[in-house]
Amino acid sequence: MAINPMNKLSDKHHNRPPKQVRPLFPDLLATSHAIKRALSPVNARPSFVTKLREELNSNVEATRYAFIQKQRQRDKIRWTALGAGIAVYSVGITVVIIRIVRWWIDRIRK
C-alpha cells in the first residue's frame, strides 16, 4: 500500500514544541487590578444612576421575555421530535408484529 505524500505533515509541524496552555483568568484579573489602580474613582450623578437602572431593568424584562419565548419554542420542537420518533417506532413495531403473525399463521397452516 502506497503512502500518499499529501497526507504527511511537513517538517515544520514535527519540530514545533507543544503550546504552553496558560489560564486566561489570572491575566485578566491582573489587568483589571492595574486598571482599577490607574483610574480615579468617579461619583456618578443620581439622575444618570436612576436612568441607567431603569434601562437595565427594562432590558432585563425584555431579555426574560425573549428567553421564555425561546424556551417554549425549544420545548415545542423537542416534543414534536419526540412525537415523531414515537410514531416511527410504533409503525416499525406494528410492521414487525404483522410479519411475525403472518409467518406464524403460514407455519400453522402448513
PDB file of N, CA and C in Angstrom:
ATOM      1  N   MET A   1       0.845  -1.175   0.000  1.00  0.00           N
ATOM      2  CA  MET A   1       0.000   0.000   0.000  1.00  0.00           C
ATOM      3  C   MET A   1       0.886   1.232   0.000  1.00  0.00           C
ATOM      4  N   ALA A   2       0.678   2.123  -0.935  1.00  0.00           N
ATOM      5  CA  ALA A   2       1.497   3.320  -1.069  1.00  0.00           C
ATOM      6  C   ALA A   2       0.993   4.411  -0.131  1.00  0.00           C
ATOM      7  N   ILE A   3       1.925   5.184   0.420  1.00  0.00           N
ATOM      8  CA  ILE A   3       1.566   6.283   1.316  1.00  0.00           C
ATOM      9  C   ILE A   3       1.457   7.545   0.493  1.00  0.00           C
ATOM     10  N   ASN A   4       0.362   8.219   0.652  1.00  0.00           N
ATOM     11  CA  ASN A   4       0.133   9.469  -0.061  1.00  0.00           C
ATOM     12  C   ASN A   4       0.954  10.567   0.598  1.00  0.00           C
ATOM     13  N   PRO A   5       1.892  11.192  -0.117  1.00  0.00           N
ATOM     14  CA  PRO A   5       2.722  12.231   0.500  1.00  0.00           C
ATOM     15  C   PRO A   5       1.921  13.469   0.887  1.00  0.00           C
ATOM     16  N   MET A   6       0.725  13.644   0.327  1.00  0.00           N
ATOM     17  CA  MET A   6      -0.091  14.806   0.660  1.00  0.00           C
ATOM     18  C   MET A   6      -0.676  14.693   2.075  1.00  0.00           C
ATOM     19  N   ASN A   7      -0.752  13.473   2.601  1.00  0.00           N
ATOM     20  CA  ASN A   7      -1.316  13.273   3.934  1.00  0.00           C
ATOM     21  C   ASN A   7      -0.293  13.491   5.037  1.00  0.00           C
ATOM     22  N   LYS A   8       0.991  13.554   4.696  1.00  0.00           N
ATOM     23  CA  LYS A   8       2.029  13.737   5.697  1.00  0.00           C
ATOM     24  C   LYS A   8       2.097  15.201   6.126  1.00  0.00           C
ATOM     25  N   LEU A   9       2.417  15.405   7.394  1.00  0.00           N
ATOM     26  CA  LEU A   9       2.637  16.753   7.875  1.00  0.00           C
ATOM     27  C   LEU A   9       4.031  17.204   7.461  1.00  0.00           C
ATOM     28  N   SER A  10       4.192  18.492   7.232  1.00  0.00           N
ATOM     29  CA  SER A  10       5.507  18.991   6.864  1.00  0.00           C
ATOM     30  C   SER A  10       6.420  18.950   8.087  1.00  0.00           C
ATOM     31  N   ASP A  11       7.717  19.116   7.838  1.00  0.00           N
ATOM     32  CA  ASP A  11       8.699  19.056   8.919  1.00  0.00           C
ATOM     33  C   ASP A  11       8.508  20.174   9.940  1.00  0.00           C
ATOM     34  N   LYS A  12       7.982  21.313   9.505  1.00  0.00           N
ATOM     35  CA  LYS A  12       7.825  22.425  10.444  1.00  0.00           C
ATOM     36  C   LYS A  12       6.812  22.078  11.541  1.00  0.00           C
ATOM     37  N   HIS A  13       5.855  21.184  11.252  1.00  0.00           N
ATOM     38  CA  HIS A  13       4.878  20.782  12.261  1.00  0.00           C
ATOM     39  C   HIS A  13       5.481  19.767  13.230  1.00  0.00           C
ATOM     40  N   HIS A  14       6.440  18.988  12.793  1.00  0.00           N
ATOM     41  CA  HIS A  14       7.041  17.983  13.654  1.00  0.00           C
ATOM     42  C   HIS A  14       8.010  18.582  14.661  1.00  0.00           C
ATOM     43  N   ASN A  15       8.668  19.677  14.323  1.00  0.00           N
ATOM     44  CA  ASN A  15       9.693  20.262  15.177  1.00  0.00           C
ATOM     45  C   ASN A  15       9.134  21.299  16.148  1.00  0.00           C
ATOM     46  N   ARG A  16       7.853  21.608  16.069  1.00  0.00           N
ATOM     47  CA  ARG A  16       7.270  22.649  16.898  1.00  0.00           C
ATOM     48  C   ARG A  16       7.048  22.119  18.312  1.00  0.00           C
ATOM     49  N   PRO A  17       7.505  22.862  19.327  1.00  0.00           N
ATOM     50  CA  PRO A  17       7.273  22.419  20.707  1.00  0.00           C
ATOM     51  C   PRO A  17       5.782  22.562  21.045  1.00  0.00           C
ATOM     52  N   PRO A  18       5.290  21.792  22.004  1.00  0.00           N
ATOM     53  CA  PRO A  18       3.871  21.906  22.356  1.00  0.00           C
ATOM     54  C   PRO A  18       3.556  23.287  22.910  1.00  0.00           C
ATOM     55  N   LYS A  19       2.365  23.777  22.597  1.00  0.00           N
ATOM     56  CA  LYS A  19       1.952  25.098  23.059  1.00  0.00           C
ATOM     57  C   LYS A  19       1.791  25.093  24.569  1.00  0.00           C
ATOM     58  N   GLN A  20       2.207  26.186  25.177  1.00  0.00           N
ATOM     59  CA  GLN A  20       2.015  26.342  26.608  1.00  0.00           C
ATOM     60  C   GLN A  20       0.573  26.782  26.845  1.00  0.00           C
ATOM     61  N   VAL A  21      -0.124  26.039  27.652  1.00  0.00           N
ATOM     62  CA  VAL A  21      -1.502  26.385  27.967  1.00  0.00           C
ATOM     63  C   VAL A  21      -1.501  27.118  29.291  1.00  0.00           C
ATOM     64  N   ARG A  22      -1.860  28.403  29.218  1.00  0.00           N
ATOM     65  CA  ARG A  22      -1.908  29.207  30.430  1.00  0.00           C
ATOM     66  C   ARG A  22      -3.345  29.619  30.680  1.00  0.00           C
ATOM     67  N   PRO A  23      -3.751  29.610  31.912  1.00  0.00           N
ATOM     68  CA  PRO A  23      -5.112  30.064  32.194  1.00  0.00           C
ATOM     69  C   PRO A  23      -5.245  31.555  31.909  1.00  0.00           C
ATOM     70  N   LEU A  24      -6.377  31.937  31.378  1.00  0.00           N
ATOM     71  CA  LEU A  24      -6.619  33.319  30.992  1.00  0.00           C
ATOM     72  C   LEU A  24      -7.074  34.161  32.176  1.00  0.00           C
ATOM     73  N   PHE A  25      -7.720  33.546  33.143  1.00  0.00           N
ATOM     74  CA  PHE A  25      -8.303  34.290  34.257  1.00  0.00           C
ATOM     75  C   PHE A  25      -7.285  35.102  35.054  1.00  0.00           C
ATOM     76  N   PRO A  26      -6.132  34.543  35.446  1.00  0.00           N
ATOM     77  CA  PRO A  26      -5.175  35.357  36.224  1.00  0.00           C
ATOM     78  C   PRO A  26      -4.697  36.592  35.459  1.00  0.00           C
ATOM     79  N   ASP A  27      -4.499  36.456  34.148  1.00  0.00           N
ATOM     80  CA  ASP A  27      -4.071  37.615  33.354  1.00  0.00           C
ATOM     81  C   ASP A  27      -5.156  38.692  33.334  1.00  0.00           C
ATOM     82  N   LEU A  28      -6.399  38.273  33.154  1.00  0.00           N
ATOM     83  CA  LEU A  28      -7.496  39.239  33.142  1.00  0.00           C
ATOM     84  C   LEU A  28      -7.660  39.903  34.503  1.00  0.00           C
ATOM     85  N   LEU A  29      -7.507  39.130  35.560  1.00  0.00           N
ATOM     86  CA  LEU A  29      -7.629  39.676  36.898  1.00  0.00           C
ATOM     87  C   LEU A  29      -6.522  40.695  37.173  1.00  0.00           C
ATOM     88  N   ALA A  30      -5.312  40.382  36.766  1.00  0.00           N
ATOM     89  CA  ALA A  30      -4.193  41.323  36.948  1.00  0.00           C
ATOM     90  C   ALA A  30      -4.433  42.599  36.158  1.00  0.00           C
ATOM     91  N   THR A  31      -4.962  42.464  34.944  1.00  0.00           N
ATOM     92  CA  THR A  31      -5.247  43.641  34.128  1.00  0.00           C
ATOM     93  C   THR A  31      -6.327  44.500  34.770  1.00  0.00           C
ATOM     94  N   SER A  32      -7.365  43.862  35.290  1.00  0.00           N
ATOM     95  CA  SER A  32      -8.445  44.634  35.926  1.00  0.00           C
ATOM     96  C   SER A  32      -7.936  45.368  37.155  1.00  0.00           C
ATOM     97  N   HIS A  33      -7.049  44.736  37.934  1.00  0.00           N
ATOM     98  CA  HIS A  33      -6.481  45.417  39.106  1.00  0.00           C
ATOM     99  C   HIS A  33      -5.603  46.589  38.684  1.00  0.00           C
ATOM    100  N   ALA A  34      -4.847  46.434  37.627  1.00  0.00           N
ATOM    101  CA  ALA A  34      -3.995  47.524  37.151  1.00  0.00           C
ATOM    102  C   ALA A  34      -4.843  48.701  36.686  1.00  0.00           C
ATOM    103  N   ILE A  35      -5.928  48.407  35.992  1.00  0.00           N
ATOM    104  CA  ILE A  35      -6.815  49.489  35.525  1.00  0.00           C
ATOM    105  C   ILE A  35      -7.469  50.168  36.716  1.00  0.00           C
ATOM    106  N   LYS A  36      -7.890  49.387  37.695  1.00  0.00           N
ATOM    107  CA  LYS A  36      -8.542  49.949  38.880  1.00  0.00           C
ATOM    108  C   LYS A  36      -7.595  50.886  39.634  1.00  0.00           C
ATOM    109  N   ARG A  37      -6.305  50.508  39.729  1.00  0.00           N
ATOM    110  CA  ARG A  37      -5.317  51.367  40.402  1.00  0.00           C
ATOM    111  C   ARG A  37      -5.055  52.632  39.603  1.00  0.00           C
ATOM    112  N   ALA A  38      -5.087  52.545  38.270  1.00  0.00           N
ATOM    113  CA  ALA A  38      -4.735  53.687  37.424  1.00  0.00           C
ATOM    114  C   ALA A  38      -5.859  54.718  37.355  1.00  0.00           C
ATOM    115  N   LEU A  39      -7.100  54.286  37.444  1.00  0.00           N
ATOM    116  CA  LEU A  39      -8.223  55.205  37.316  1.00  0.00           C
ATOM    117  C   LEU A  39      -8.661  55.724  38.675  1.00  0.00           C
ATOM    118  N   SER A  40      -9.066  56.996  38.671  1.00  0.00           N
ATOM    119  CA  SER A  40      -9.567  57.572  39.921  1.00  0.00           C
ATOM    120  C   SER A  40     -11.061  57.272  40.040  1.00  0.00           C
ATOM    121  N   PRO A  41     -11.568  57.116  41.264  1.00  0.00           N
ATOM    122  CA  PRO A  41     -12.993  56.818  41.426  1.00  0.00           C
ATOM    123  C   PRO A  41     -13.854  57.988  40.967  1.00  0.00           C
ATOM    124  N   VAL A  42     -14.997  57.674  40.423  1.00  0.00           N
ATOM    125  CA  VAL A  42     -15.909  58.697  39.907  1.00  0.00           C
ATOM    126  C   VAL A  42     -17.257  58.513  40.598  1.00  0.00           C
ATOM    127  N   ASN A  43     -17.804  59.612  41.041  1.00  0.00           N
ATOM    128  CA  ASN A  43     -19.145  59.590  41.617  1.00  0.00           C
ATOM    129  C   ASN A  43     -20.136  59.965  40.518  1.00  0.00           C
ATOM    130  N   ALA A  44     -21.028  59.053  40.215  1.00  0.00           N
ATOM    131  CA  ALA A  44     -21.995  59.290  39.142  1.00  0.00           C
ATOM    132  C   ALA A  44     -23.140  60.153  39.658  1.00  0.00           C
ATOM    133  N   ARG A  45     -23.710  60.935  38.716  1.00  0.00           N
ATOM    134  CA  ARG A  45     -24.864  61.762  39.057  1.00  0.00           C
ATOM    135  C   ARG A  45     -26.055  60.855  39.383  1.00  0.00           C
ATOM    136  N   PRO A  46     -26.861  61.224  40.359  1.00  0.00           N
ATOM    137  CA  PRO A  46     -28.033  60.408  40.707  1.00  0.00           C
ATOM    138  C   PRO A  46     -28.999  60.229  39.536  1.00  0.00           C
ATOM    139  N   SER A  47     -29.145  61.258  38.698  1.00  0.00           N
ATOM    140  CA  SER A  47     -30.051  61.133  37.547  1.00  0.00           C
ATOM    141  C   SER A  47     -29.538  60.078  36.569  1.00  0.00           C
ATOM    142  N   PHE A  48     -28.216  60.029  36.382  1.00  0.00           N
ATOM    143  CA  PHE A  48     -27.624  59.023  35.493  1.00  0.00           C
ATOM    144  C   PHE A  48     -27.848  57.619  36.061  1.00  0.00           C
ATOM    145  N   VAL A  49     -27.640  57.471  37.354  1.00  0.00           N
ATOM    146  CA  VAL A  49     -27.815  56.171  38.001  1.00  0.00           C
ATOM    147  C   VAL A  49     -29.262  55.715  37.891  1.00  0.00           C
ATOM    148  N   THR A  50     -30.207  56.635  38.119  1.00  0.00           N
ATOM    149  CA  THR A  50     -31.630  56.294  38.031  1.00  0.00           C
ATOM    150  C   THR A  50     -32.001  55.879  36.609  1.00  0.00           C
ATOM    151  N   LYS A  51     -31.549  56.673  35.641  1.00  0.00           N
ATOM    152  CA  LYS A  51     -31.862  56.364  34.234  1.00  0.00           C
ATOM    153  C   LYS A  51     -31.250  55.017  33.828  1.00  0.00           C
ATOM    154  N   LEU A  52     -30.003  54.772  34.215  1.00  0.00           N
ATOM    155  CA  LEU A  52     -29.339  53.518  33.880  1.00  0.00           C
ATOM    156  C   LEU A  52     -30.059  52.339  34.532  1.00  0.00           C
ATOM    157  N   ARG A  53     -30.465  52.496  35.795  1.00  0.00           N
ATOM    158  CA  ARG A  53     -31.191  51.426  36.483  1.00  0.00           C
ATOM    159  C   ARG A  53     -32.493  51.101  35.753  1.00  0.00           C
ATOM    160  N   GLU A  54     -33.216  52.129  35.330  1.00  0.00           N
ATOM    161  CA  GLU A  54     -34.480  51.906  34.614  1.00  0.00           C
ATOM    162  C   GLU A  54     -34.242  51.184  33.290  1.00  0.00           C
ATOM    163  N   GLU A  55     -33.198  51.606  32.563  1.00  0.00           N
ATOM    164  CA  GLU A  55     -32.893  50.956  31.285  1.00  0.00           C
ATOM    165  C   GLU A  55     -32.505  49.493  31.488  1.00  0.00           C
ATOM    166  N   LEU A  56     -31.694  49.254  32.491  1.00  0.00           N
ATOM    167  CA  LEU A  56     -31.270  47.872  32.754  1.00  0.00           C
ATOM    168  C   LEU A  56     -32.453  47.012  33.183  1.00  0.00           C
ATOM    169  N   ASN A  57     -33.318  47.559  34.027  1.00  0.00           N
ATOM    170  CA  ASN A  57     -34.497  46.797  34.467  1.00  0.00           C
ATOM    171  C   ASN A  57     -35.428  46.501  33.299  1.00  0.00           C
ATOM    172  N   SER A  58     -35.622  47.467  32.409  1.00  0.00           N
ATOM    173  CA  SER A  58     -36.489  47.218  31.255  1.00  0.00           C
ATOM    174  C   SER A  58     -35.834  46.204  30.316  1.00  0.00           C
ATOM    175  N   ASN A  59     -34.519  46.271  30.209  1.00  0.00           N
ATOM    176  CA  ASN A  59     -33.797  45.327  29.366  1.00  0.00           C
ATOM    177  C   ASN A  59     -33.883  43.920  29.947  1.00  0.00           C
ATOM    178  N   VAL A  60     -33.877  43.811  31.274  1.00  0.00           N
ATOM    179  CA  VAL A  60     -33.997  42.506  31.925  1.00  0.00           C
ATOM    180  C   VAL A  60     -35.351  41.895  31.595  1.00  0.00           C
ATOM    181  N   GLU A  61     -36.397  42.711  31.647  1.00  0.00           N
ATOM    182  CA  GLU A  61     -37.735  42.202  31.337  1.00  0.00           C
ATOM    183  C   GLU A  61     -37.820  41.735  29.890  1.00  0.00           C
ATOM    184  N   ALA A  62     -37.260  42.519  28.970  1.00  0.00           N
ATOM    185  CA  ALA A  62     -37.280  42.129  27.558  1.00  0.00           C
ATOM    186  C   ALA A  62     -36.472  40.859  27.335  1.00  0.00           C
ATOM    187  N   THR A  63     -35.333  40.763  27.998  1.00  0.00           N
ATOM    188  CA  THR A  63     -34.496  39.575  27.870  1.00  0.00           C
ATOM    189  C   THR A  63     -35.188  38.359  28.462  1.00  0.00           C
ATOM    190  N   ARG A  64     -35.831  38.521  29.601  1.00  0.00           N
ATOM    191  CA  ARG A  64     -36.561  37.422  30.223  1.00  0.00           C
ATOM    192  C   ARG A  64     -37.675  36.940  29.302  1.00  0.00           C
ATOM    193  N   TYR A  65     -38.409  37.879  28.699  1.00  0.00           N
ATOM    194  CA  TYR A  65     -39.493  37.520  27.783  1.00  0.00           C
ATOM    195  C   TYR A  65     -38.940  36.752  26.583  1.00  0.00           C
ATOM    196  N   ALA A  66     -37.826  37.243  26.003  1.00  0.00           N
ATOM    197  CA  ALA A  66     -37.214  36.567  24.852  1.00  0.00           C
ATOM    198  C   ALA A  66     -36.727  35.178  25.245  1.00  0.00           C
ATOM    199  N   PHE A  67     -36.158  35.049  26.444  1.00  0.00           N
ATOM    200  CA  PHE A  67     -35.677  33.746  26.911  1.00  0.00           C
ATOM    201  C   PHE A  67     -36.834  32.767  27.066  1.00  0.00           C
ATOM    202  N   ILE A  68     -37.918  33.237  27.645  1.00  0.00           N
ATOM    203  CA  ILE A  68     -39.087  32.367  27.838  1.00  0.00           C
ATOM    204  C   ILE A  68     -39.648  31.940  26.487  1.00  0.00           C
ATOM    205  N   GLN A  69     -39.707  32.856  25.526  1.00  0.00           N
ATOM    206  CA  GLN A  69     -40.211  32.514  24.195  1.00  0.00           C
ATOM    207  C   GLN A  69     -39.311  31.464  23.532  1.00  0.00           C
ATOM    208  N   LYS A  70     -38.010  31.645  23.619  1.00  0.00           N
ATOM    209  CA  LYS A  70     -37.087  30.666  23.026  1.00  0.00           C
ATOM    210  C   LYS A  70     -37.211  29.316  23.718  1.00  0.00           C
ATOM    211  N   GLN A  71     -37.378  29.321  25.038  1.00  0.00           N
ATOM    212  CA  GLN A  71     -37.533  28.075  25.780  1.00  0.00           C
ATOM    213  C   GLN A  71     -38.806  27.357  25.349  1.00  0.00           C
ATOM    214  N   ARG A  72     -39.884  28.095  25.179  1.00  0.00           N
ATOM    215  CA  ARG A  72     -41.137  27.484  24.721  1.00  0.00           C
ATOM    216  C   ARG A  72     -40.980  26.899  23.324  1.00  0.00           C
ATOM    217  N   GLN A  73     -40.271  27.629  22.450  1.00  0.00           N
ATOM    218  CA  GLN A  73     -40.051  27.132  21.090  1.00  0.00           C
ATOM    219  C   GLN A  73     -39.213  25.855  21.125  1.00  0.00           C
ATOM    220  N   ARG A  74     -38.161  25.834  21.964  1.00  0.00           N
ATOM    221  CA  ARG A  74     -37.335  24.636  22.097  1.00  0.00           C
ATOM    222  C   ARG A  74     -38.148  23.459  22.621  1.00  0.00           C
ATOM    223  N   ASP A  75     -38.990  23.739  23.611  1.00  0.00           N
ATOM    224  CA  ASP A  75     -39.833  22.674  24.159  1.00  0.00           C
ATOM    225  C   ASP A  75     -40.801  22.145  23.109  1.00  0.00           C
ATOM    226  N   LYS A  76     -41.356  23.039  22.308  1.00  0.00           N
ATOM    227  CA  LYS A  76     -42.287  22.626  21.260  1.00  0.00           C
ATOM    228  C   LYS A  76     -41.577  21.744  20.235  1.00  0.00           C
ATOM    229  N   ILE A  77     -40.381  22.147  19.831  1.00  0.00           N
ATOM    230  CA  ILE A  77     -39.604  21.353  18.871  1.00  0.00           C
ATOM    231  C   ILE A  77     -39.237  20.003  19.491  1.00  0.00           C
ATOM    232  N   ARG A  78     -38.844  20.012  20.761  1.00  0.00           N
ATOM    233  CA  ARG A  78     -38.460  18.778  21.445  1.00  0.00           C
ATOM    234  C   ARG A  78     -39.644  17.804  21.487  1.00  0.00           C
ATOM    235  N   TRP A  79     -40.826  18.290  21.854  1.00  0.00           N
ATOM    236  CA  TRP A  79     -41.997  17.417  21.933  1.00  0.00           C
ATOM    237  C   TRP A  79     -42.433  16.942  20.554  1.00  0.00           C
ATOM    238  N   THR A  80     -42.285  17.808  19.547  1.00  0.00           N
ATOM    239  CA  THR A  80     -42.619  17.401  18.180  1.00  0.00           C
ATOM    240  C   THR A  80     -41.688  16.290  17.724  1.00  0.00           C
ATOM    241  N   ALA A  81     -40.403  16.444  17.980  1.00  0.00           N
ATOM    242  CA  ALA A  81     -39.437  15.409  17.597  1.00  0.00           C
ATOM    243  C   ALA A  81     -39.703  14.111  18.363  1.00  0.00           C
ATOM    244  N   LEU A  82     -40.030  14.235  19.628  1.00  0.00           N
ATOM    245  CA  LEU A  82     -40.338  13.049  20.428  1.00  0.00           C
ATOM    246  C   LEU A  82     -41.583  12.346  19.884  1.00  0.00           C
ATOM    247  N   GLY A  83     -42.609  13.109  19.543  1.00  0.00           N
ATOM    248  CA  GLY A  83     -43.826  12.536  18.979  1.00  0.00           C
ATOM    249  C   GLY A  83     -43.567  11.844  17.651  1.00  0.00           C
ATOM    250  N   ALA A  84     -42.759  12.480  16.803  1.00  0.00           N
ATOM    251  CA  ALA A  84     -42.428  11.870  15.510  1.00  0.00           C
ATOM    252  C   ALA A  84     -41.631  10.582  15.727  1.00  0.00           C
ATOM    253  N   GLY A  85     -40.721  10.590  16.660  1.00  0.00           N
ATOM    254  CA  GLY A  85     -39.942   9.386  16.949  1.00  0.00           C
ATOM    255  C   GLY A  85     -40.816   8.256  17.456  1.00  0.00           C
ATOM    256  N   ILE A  86     -41.751   8.576  18.322  1.00  0.00           N
ATOM    257  CA  ILE A  86     -42.670   7.554  18.828  1.00  0.00           C
ATOM    258  C   ILE A  86     -43.538   7.012  17.699  1.00  0.00           C
ATOM    259  N   ALA A  87     -43.978   7.905  16.795  1.00  0.00           N
ATOM    260  CA  ALA A  87     -44.806   7.457  15.671  1.00  0.00           C
ATOM    261  C   ALA A  87     -44.024   6.502  14.772  1.00  0.00           C
ATOM    262  N   VAL A  88     -42.790   6.851  14.438  1.00  0.00           N
ATOM    263  CA  VAL A  88     -41.971   5.987  13.589  1.00  0.00           C
ATOM    264  C   VAL A  88     -41.710   4.654  14.297  1.00  0.00           C
ATOM    265  N   TYR A  89     -41.415   4.699  15.569  1.00  0.00           N
ATOM    266  CA  TYR A  89     -41.178   3.477  16.344  1.00  0.00           C
ATOM    267  C   TYR A  89     -42.423   2.602  16.351  1.00  0.00           C
ATOM    268  N   SER A  90     -43.583   3.214  16.566  1.00  0.00           N
ATOM    269  CA  SER A  90     -44.840   2.458  16.596  1.00  0.00           C
ATOM    270  C   SER A  90     -45.128   1.791  15.259  1.00  0.00           C
ATOM    271  N   VAL A  91     -44.910   2.530  14.170  1.00  0.00           N
ATOM    272  CA  VAL A  91     -45.126   1.949  12.837  1.00  0.00           C
ATOM    273  C   VAL A  91     -44.174   0.776  12.627  1.00  0.00           C
ATOM    274  N   GLY A  92     -42.932   0.939  12.998  1.00  0.00           N
ATOM    275  CA  GLY A  92     -41.950  -0.140  12.844  1.00  0.00           C
ATOM    276  C   GLY A  92     -42.325  -1.373  13.647  1.00  0.00           C
ATOM    277  N   ILE A  93     -42.697  -1.186  14.900  1.00  0.00           N
ATOM    278  CA  ILE A  93     -43.100  -2.315  15.743  1.00  0.00           C
ATOM    279  C   ILE A  93     -44.352  -2.984  15.169  1.00  0.00           C
ATOM    280  N   THR A  94     -45.301  -2.180  14.685  1.00  0.00           N
ATOM    281  CA  THR A  94     -46.522  -2.741  14.096  1.00  0.00           C
ATOM    282  C   THR A  94     -46.202  -3.596  12.880  1.00  0.00           C
ATOM    283  N   VAL A  95     -45.329  -3.113  12.019  1.00  0.00           N
ATOM    284  CA  VAL A  95     -44.936  -3.875  10.829  1.00  0.00           C
ATOM    285  C   VAL A  95     -44.276  -5.192  11.250  1.00  0.00           C
ATOM    286  N   VAL A  96     -43.401  -5.151  12.222  1.00  0.00           N
ATOM    287  CA  VAL A  96     -42.727  -6.368  12.691  1.00  0.00           C
ATOM    288  C   VAL A  96     -43.741  -7.352  13.274  1.00  0.00           C
ATOM    289  N   ILE A  97     -44.659  -6.858  14.077  1.00  0.00           N
ATOM    290  CA  ILE A  97     -45.677  -7.750  14.674  1.00  0.00           C
ATOM    291  C   ILE A  97     -46.555  -8.364  13.587  1.00  0.00           C
ATOM    292  N   ILE A  98     -46.966  -7.577  12.603  1.00  0.00           N
ATOM    293  CA  ILE A  98     -47.787  -8.108  11.500  1.00  0.00           C
ATOM    294  C   ILE A  98     -47.026  -9.205  10.763  1.00  0.00           C
ATOM    295  N   ARG A  99     -45.751  -8.992  10.486  1.00  0.00           N
ATOM    296  CA  ARG A  99     -44.963 -10.010   9.777  1.00  0.00           C
ATOM    297  C   ARG A  99     -44.814 -11.287  10.618  1.00  0.00           C
ATOM    298  N   ILE A 100     -44.604 -11.124  11.909  1.00  0.00           N
ATOM    299  CA  ILE A 100     -44.479 -12.299  12.784  1.00  0.00           C
ATOM    300  C   ILE A 100     -45.795 -13.072  12.812  1.00  0.00           C
ATOM    301  N   VAL A 101     -46.915 -12.359  12.923  1.00  0.00           N
ATOM    302  CA  VAL A 101     -48.227 -13.034  12.943  1.00  0.00           C
ATOM    303  C   VAL A 101     -48.480 -13.752  11.624  1.00  0.00           C
ATOM    304  N   ARG A 102     -48.189 -13.112  10.501  1.00  0.00           N
ATOM    305  CA  ARG A 102     -48.366 -13.760   9.191  1.00  0.00           C
ATOM    306  C   ARG A 102     -47.490 -15.003   9.081  1.00  0.00           C
ATOM    307  N   TRP A 103     -46.235 -14.901   9.519  1.00  0.00           N
ATOM    308  CA  TRP A 103     -45.325 -16.043   9.463  1.00  0.00           C
ATOM    309  C   TRP A 103     -45.856 -17.182  10.323  1.00  0.00           C
ATOM    310  N   TRP A 104     -46.342 -16.858  11.513  1.00  0.00           N
ATOM    311  CA  TRP A 104     -46.869 -17.868  12.439  1.00  0.00           C
ATOM    312  C   TRP A 104     -48.119 -18.530  11.863  1.00  0.00           C
ATOM    313  N   ILE A 105     -48.998 -17.712  11.265  1.00  0.00           N
ATOM    314  CA  ILE A 105     -50.224 -18.280  10.653  1.00  0.00           C
ATOM    315  C   ILE A 105     -49.869 -19.184   9.469  1.00  0.00           C
ATOM    316  N   ASP A 106     -48.935 -18.750   8.606  1.00  0.00           N
ATOM    317  CA  ASP A 106     -48.496 -19.571   7.474  1.00  0.00           C
ATOM    318  C   ASP A 106     -47.866 -20.878   7.964  1.00  0.00           C
ATOM    319  N   ARG A 107     -47.140 -20.821   9.039  1.00  0.00           N
ATOM    320  CA  ARG A 107     -46.474 -22.000   9.583  1.00  0.00           C
ATOM    321  C   ARG A 107     -47.514 -22.988  10.139  1.00  0.00           C
ATOM    322  N   ILE A 108     -48.536 -22.443  10.774  1.00  0.00           N
ATOM    323  CA  ILE A 108     -49.572 -23.309  11.337  1.00  0.00           C
ATOM    324  C   ILE A 108     -50.376 -23.982  10.208  1.00  0.00           C
ATOM    325  N   ARG A 109     -50.653 -23.269   9.137  1.00  0.00           N
ATOM    326  CA  ARG A 109     -51.446 -23.812   8.029  1.00  0.00           C
ATOM    327  C   ARG A 109     -50.718 -24.928   7.292  1.00  0.00           C
ATOM    328  N   LYS A 110     -49.423 -24.925   7.299  1.00  0.00           N
ATOM    329  CA  LYS A 110     -48.652 -25.932   6.551  1.00  0.00           C
ATOM    330  C   LYS A 110     -48.593 -27.198   7.261  1.00  0.00           C
TER     331      LYS A 110
END
